[in-house]
Amino acid sequence: MADQLEGDPLALEQQVCFALSVAARGVVAVYRPLLEPMGLTHPQYLVMLALWQYAPLSVRELSRLLQLDPGTLSPLLKRLEAAGYVRRERDASDERSLAVSLTASGQALREQAERIPPAIVQRLGLPLADLRHLHTVLTEVIAAANRAATAEPGAAGQPGQASA
């Protein structure tokens, strides 16, 4: 890569991980007041988004879609079930698998949730085209990070790469 880092390679403001972390916390904070009236946390909202799009899903499929390990997903599902939004049942075709489906209340919640994306765009005050571009770039970062996580040990940190 032609552009080398200037100055201190450990400078906080040059770290991709720092920018992503602060941006993620900030964006989730913008969602919070919109989700609270629905009785959802941001991780629960992500579960509901996946279910509104693909339900019913096995816990394994949901875990893969959300890129969460089942141990993290399980308490989210328990709370959503206690709230009356989802139902977890043994899959009739595979007793070892739990199927997650929406209840009538969970399905009805979608109507309220449809107001969230435009409200987020408005609150962030960024052009929709910029947000779509950011989504594309972040999707590429996720794919690159997934590849790096499965790469051979010692393959990271090649000269000329940005700070992480």
C-alpha atoms as a PDB file:
ATOM      1  CA  MET A   1       0.000   0.000   0.000  1.00  0.00           C
ATOM      2  CA  ALA A   2       1.453   3.337  -1.019  1.00  0.00           C
ATOM      3  CA  ASP A   3       0.070   5.461   1.794  1.00  0.00           C
ATOM      4  CA  GLN A   4       2.046   4.834   4.965  1.00  0.00           C
ATOM      5  CA  LEU A   5       0.856   5.976   8.355  1.00  0.00           C
ATOM      6  CA  GLU A   6       2.213   9.326   9.385  1.00  0.00           C
ATOM      7  CA  GLY A   7       3.296  10.026  12.928  1.00  0.00           C
ATOM      8  CA  ASP A   8       2.674   7.636  15.779  1.00  0.00           C
ATOM      9  CA  PRO A   9       1.191   4.346  14.486  1.00  0.00           C
ATOM     10  CA  LEU A  10      -0.399   3.873  17.923  1.00  0.00           C
ATOM     11  CA  ALA A  11      -2.127   7.252  18.010  1.00  0.00           C
ATOM     12  CA  LEU A  12      -5.665   6.705  19.224  1.00  0.00           C
ATOM     13  CA  GLU A  13      -7.234   8.864  16.524  1.00  0.00           C
ATOM     14  CA  GLN A  14      -5.613   6.710  13.798  1.00  0.00           C
ATOM     15  CA  GLN A  15      -7.043   3.435  15.076  1.00  0.00           C
ATOM     16  CA  VAL A  16      -9.819   1.844  13.009  1.00  0.00           C
ATOM     17  CA  CYS A  17     -10.943  -0.121  16.061  1.00  0.00           C
ATOM     18  CA  PHE A  18     -11.381   3.096  18.059  1.00  0.00           C
ATOM     19  CA  ALA A  19     -13.420   4.821  15.357  1.00  0.00           C
ATOM     20  CA  LEU A  20     -15.633   1.748  14.904  1.00  0.00           C
ATOM     21  CA  SER A  21     -16.142   1.340  18.643  1.00  0.00           C
ATOM     22  CA  VAL A  22     -17.080   4.980  19.248  1.00  0.00           C
ATOM     23  CA  ALA A  23     -19.321   5.061  16.154  1.00  0.00           C
ATOM     24  CA  ALA A  24     -21.101   1.870  17.210  1.00  0.00           C
ATOM     25  CA  ARG A  25     -21.769   3.159  20.725  1.00  0.00           C
ATOM     26  CA  GLY A  26     -22.973   6.479  19.352  1.00  0.00           C
ATOM     27  CA  VAL A  27     -25.332   4.987  16.800  1.00  0.00           C
ATOM     28  CA  VAL A  28     -26.760   2.507  19.319  1.00  0.00           C
ATOM     29  CA  ALA A  29     -27.392   5.452  21.657  1.00  0.00           C
ATOM     30  CA  VAL A  30     -29.431   7.117  18.885  1.00  0.00           C
ATOM     31  CA  TYR A  31     -31.562   3.950  18.617  1.00  0.00           C
ATOM     32  CA  ARG A  32     -32.151   3.629  22.378  1.00  0.00           C
ATOM     33  CA  PRO A  33     -34.978   6.201  22.829  1.00  0.00           C
ATOM     34  CA  LEU A  34     -36.762   4.802  19.776  1.00  0.00           C
ATOM     35  CA  LEU A  35     -36.549   1.204  21.002  1.00  0.00           C
ATOM     36  CA  GLU A  36     -37.415   1.786  24.661  1.00  0.00           C
ATOM     37  CA  PRO A  37     -41.153   2.388  24.027  1.00  0.00           C
ATOM     38  CA  MET A  38     -41.196  -0.961  22.209  1.00  0.00           C
ATOM     39  CA  GLY A  39     -39.554  -2.663  25.187  1.00  0.00           C
ATOM     40  CA  LEU A  40     -36.492  -3.628  23.139  1.00  0.00           C
ATOM     41  CA  THR A  41     -32.770  -3.278  23.594  1.00  0.00           C
ATOM     42  CA  HIS A  42     -30.645  -2.845  20.480  1.00  0.00           C
ATOM     43  CA  PRO A  43     -29.488  -6.519  20.458  1.00  0.00           C
ATOM     44  CA  GLN A  44     -33.118  -7.620  20.837  1.00  0.00           C
ATOM     45  CA  TYR A  45     -34.074  -5.321  17.956  1.00  0.00           C
ATOM     46  CA  LEU A  46     -31.489  -7.045  15.760  1.00  0.00           C
ATOM     47  CA  VAL A  47     -33.014 -10.428  16.659  1.00  0.00           C
ATOM     48  CA  MET A  48     -36.460  -9.114  15.786  1.00  0.00           C
ATOM     49  CA  LEU A  49     -35.210  -7.709  12.461  1.00  0.00           C
ATOM     50  CA  ALA A  50     -33.884 -11.146  11.521  1.00  0.00           C
ATOM     51  CA  LEU A  51     -37.140 -12.817  12.549  1.00  0.00           C
ATOM     52  CA  TRP A  52     -39.343 -10.284  10.759  1.00  0.00           C
ATOM     53  CA  GLN A  53     -37.390 -11.065   7.608  1.00  0.00           C
ATOM     54  CA  TYR A  54     -36.838 -14.826   7.885  1.00  0.00           C
ATOM     55  CA  ALA A  55     -38.976 -16.425  10.658  1.00  0.00           C
ATOM     56  CA  PRO A  56     -39.186 -19.147  11.609  1.00  0.00           C
ATOM     57  CA  LEU A  57     -35.478 -19.757  12.179  1.00  0.00           C
ATOM     58  CA  SER A  58     -33.492 -22.265  14.152  1.00  0.00           C
ATOM     59  CA  VAL A  59     -31.307 -20.853  16.904  1.00  0.00           C
ATOM     60  CA  ARG A  60     -28.307 -21.969  14.830  1.00  0.00           C
ATOM     61  CA  GLU A  61     -29.540 -20.041  11.747  1.00  0.00           C
ATOM     62  CA  LEU A  62     -30.295 -16.971  13.858  1.00  0.00           C
ATOM     63  CA  SER A  63     -26.854 -17.187  15.461  1.00  0.00           C
ATOM     64  CA  ARG A  64     -25.225 -17.327  12.015  1.00  0.00           C
ATOM     65  CA  LEU A  65     -27.281 -14.415  10.624  1.00  0.00           C
ATOM     66  CA  LEU A  66     -26.534 -12.157  13.592  1.00  0.00           C
ATOM     67  CA  GLN A  67     -22.951 -13.391  13.959  1.00  0.00           C
ATOM     68  CA  LEU A  68     -23.579 -14.064  17.654  1.00  0.00           C
ATOM     69  CA  ASP A  69     -22.623 -17.210  19.494  1.00  0.00           C
ATOM     70  CA  PRO A  70     -25.594 -19.219  20.822  1.00  0.00           C
ATOM     71  CA  GLY A  71     -24.551 -18.477  24.420  1.00  0.00           C
ATOM     72  CA  THR A  72     -25.053 -14.754  23.786  1.00  0.00           C
ATOM     73  CA  LEU A  73     -28.229 -15.274  21.769  1.00  0.00           C
ATOM     74  CA  SER A  74     -29.983 -17.543  24.269  1.00  0.00           C
ATOM     75  CA  PRO A  75     -30.607 -14.884  26.981  1.00  0.00           C
ATOM     76  CA  LEU A  76     -31.844 -12.451  24.307  1.00  0.00           C
ATOM     77  CA  LEU A  77     -34.357 -15.033  23.106  1.00  0.00           C
ATOM     78  CA  LYS A  78     -35.467 -15.820  26.666  1.00  0.00           C
ATOM     79  CA  ARG A  79     -36.197 -12.139  27.326  1.00  0.00           C
ATOM     80  CA  LEU A  80     -38.040 -11.765  24.002  1.00  0.00           C
ATOM     81  CA  GLU A  81     -40.069 -14.864  24.823  1.00  0.00           C
ATOM     82  CA  ALA A  82     -40.879 -13.491  28.315  1.00  0.00           C
ATOM     83  CA  ALA A  83     -42.028 -10.252  26.640  1.00  0.00           C
ATOM     84  CA  GLY A  84     -44.370 -12.303  24.450  1.00  0.00           C
ATOM     85  CA  TYR A  85     -42.675 -11.479  21.128  1.00  0.00           C
ATOM     86  CA  VAL A  86     -41.194 -14.868  20.206  1.00  0.00           C
ATOM     87  CA  ARG A  87     -41.818 -18.540  20.812  1.00  0.00           C
ATOM     88  CA  ARG A  88     -39.067 -21.161  21.083  1.00  0.00           C
ATOM     89  CA  GLU A  89     -40.089 -24.720  20.338  1.00  0.00           C
ATOM     90  CA  ARG A  90     -38.331 -27.955  19.508  1.00  0.00           C
ATOM     91  CA  ASP A  91     -38.147 -28.425  15.756  1.00  0.00           C
ATOM     92  CA  ALA A  92     -40.486 -31.276  14.800  1.00  0.00           C
ATOM     93  CA  SER A  93     -38.023 -32.517  12.167  1.00  0.00           C
ATOM     94  CA  ASP A  94     -34.995 -32.330  14.511  1.00  0.00           C
ATOM     95  CA  GLU A  95     -35.619 -32.577  18.258  1.00  0.00           C
ATOM     96  CA  ARG A  96     -32.085 -31.287  18.951  1.00  0.00           C
ATOM     97  CA  SER A  97     -32.875 -27.971  17.268  1.00  0.00           C
ATOM     98  CA  LEU A  98     -34.887 -25.076  18.691  1.00  0.00           C
ATOM     99  CA  ALA A  99     -37.101 -23.211  16.241  1.00  0.00           C
ATOM    100  CA  VAL A 100     -37.763 -19.534  16.929  1.00  0.00           C
ATOM    101  CA  SER A 101     -40.930 -17.972  15.575  1.00  0.00           C
ATOM    102  CA  LEU A 102     -42.818 -14.735  16.096  1.00  0.00           C
ATOM    103  CA  THR A 103     -45.953 -14.523  18.186  1.00  0.00           C
ATOM    104  CA  ALA A 104     -48.863 -12.351  17.068  1.00  0.00           C
ATOM    105  CA  SER A 105     -47.497  -9.603  19.367  1.00  0.00           C
ATOM    106  CA  GLY A 106     -44.040  -9.954  17.864  1.00  0.00           C
ATOM    107  CA  GLN A 107     -45.433  -9.731  14.356  1.00  0.00           C
ATOM    108  CA  ALA A 108     -47.567  -6.700  15.291  1.00  0.00           C
ATOM    109  CA  LEU A 109     -44.494  -4.944  16.701  1.00  0.00           C
ATOM    110  CA  ARG A 110     -43.111  -4.746  13.163  1.00  0.00           C
ATOM    111  CA  GLU A 111     -45.533  -1.916  12.340  1.00  0.00           C
ATOM    112  CA  GLN A 112     -43.991   0.244  15.086  1.00  0.00           C
ATOM    113  CA  ALA A 113     -40.480  -0.779  14.026  1.00  0.00           C
ATOM    114  CA  GLU A 114     -41.040   0.412  10.457  1.00  0.00           C
ATOM    115  CA  ARG A 115     -40.802   3.980  11.783  1.00  0.00           C
ATOM    116  CA  ILE A 116     -37.295   3.420  13.179  1.00  0.00           C
ATOM    117  CA  PRO A 117     -35.104   3.516  10.022  1.00  0.00           C
ATOM    118  CA  PRO A 118     -36.396   6.881   8.782  1.00  0.00           C
ATOM    119  CA  ALA A 119     -36.184   8.291  12.319  1.00  0.00           C
ATOM    120  CA  ILE A 120     -32.542   7.170  12.559  1.00  0.00           C
ATOM    121  CA  VAL A 121     -31.702   8.797   9.212  1.00  0.00           C
ATOM    122  CA  GLN A 122     -33.353  12.015  10.388  1.00  0.00           C
ATOM    123  CA  ARG A 123     -31.609  11.992  13.787  1.00  0.00           C
ATOM    124  CA  LEU A 124     -28.191  11.302  12.296  1.00  0.00           C
ATOM    125  CA  GLY A 125     -28.683  14.133   9.798  1.00  0.00           C
ATOM    126  CA  LEU A 126     -26.542  12.420   7.157  1.00  0.00           C
ATOM    127  CA  PRO A 127     -27.540  11.975   3.523  1.00  0.00           C
ATOM    128  CA  LEU A 128     -29.076   8.569   2.832  1.00  0.00           C
ATOM    129  CA  ALA A 129     -26.500   8.015   0.071  1.00  0.00           C
ATOM    130  CA  ASP A 130     -23.692   8.478   2.614  1.00  0.00           C
ATOM    131  CA  LEU A 131     -25.311   6.008   5.015  1.00  0.00           C
ATOM    132  CA  ARG A 132     -25.728   3.445   2.220  1.00  0.00           C
ATOM    133  CA  HIS A 133     -22.071   3.895   1.246  1.00  0.00           C
ATOM    134  CA  LEU A 134     -21.036   3.512   4.889  1.00  0.00           C
ATOM    135  CA  HIS A 135     -23.063   0.294   5.090  1.00  0.00           C
ATOM    136  CA  THR A 136     -21.282  -1.038   1.998  1.00  0.00           C
ATOM    137  CA  VAL A 137     -17.849  -0.194   3.403  1.00  0.00           C
ATOM    138  CA  LEU A 138     -18.685  -1.662   6.815  1.00  0.00           C
ATOM    139  CA  THR A 139     -19.922  -4.861   5.155  1.00  0.00           C
ATOM    140  CA  GLU A 140     -16.534  -5.071   3.419  1.00  0.00           C
ATOM    141  CA  VAL A 141     -14.765  -4.496   6.756  1.00  0.00           C
ATOM    142  CA  ILE A 142     -16.822  -7.279   8.362  1.00  0.00           C
ATOM    143  CA  ALA A 143     -15.901  -9.673   5.548  1.00  0.00           C
ATOM    144  CA  ALA A 144     -12.219  -8.706   5.780  1.00  0.00           C
ATOM    145  CA  ALA A 145     -12.241  -9.171   9.564  1.00  0.00           C
ATOM    146  CA  ASN A 146     -13.894 -12.580   9.186  1.00  0.00           C
ATOM    147  CA  ARG A 147     -11.244 -13.580   6.652  1.00  0.00           C
ATOM    148  CA  ALA A 148      -8.457 -12.301   8.903  1.00  0.00           C
ATOM    149  CA  ALA A 149      -9.867 -14.215  11.881  1.00  0.00           C
ATOM    150  CA  THR A 150      -9.679 -17.463   9.921  1.00  0.00           C
ATOM    151  CA  ALA A 151      -6.303 -16.723   8.263  1.00  0.00           C
ATOM    152  CA  GLU A 152      -3.073 -18.371   9.238  1.00  0.00           C
ATOM    153  CA  PRO A 153      -1.484 -17.091  12.451  1.00  0.00           C
ATOM    154  CA  GLY A 154       1.114 -14.428  11.755  1.00  0.00           C
ATOM    155  CA  ALA A 155      -0.592 -13.290   8.529  1.00  0.00           C
ATOM    156  CA  ALA A 156      -1.863 -10.081  10.152  1.00  0.00           C
ATOM    157  CA  GLY A 157       0.161  -6.910  10.438  1.00  0.00           C
ATOM    158  CA  GLN A 158       1.593  -6.819   6.946  1.00  0.00           C
ATOM    159  CA  PRO A 159       3.608  -3.669   6.215  1.00  0.00           C
ATOM    160  CA  GLY A 160       1.605  -0.800   4.771  1.00  0.00           C
ATOM    161  CA  GLN A 161      -1.684  -1.777   6.388  1.00  0.00           C
ATOM    162  CA  ALA A 162      -3.714   0.705   8.422  1.00  0.00           C
ATOM    163  CA  SER A 163      -3.601   0.645  12.188  1.00  0.00           C
ATOM    164  CA  ALA A 164      -6.193  -1.473  13.859  1.00  0.00           C
END
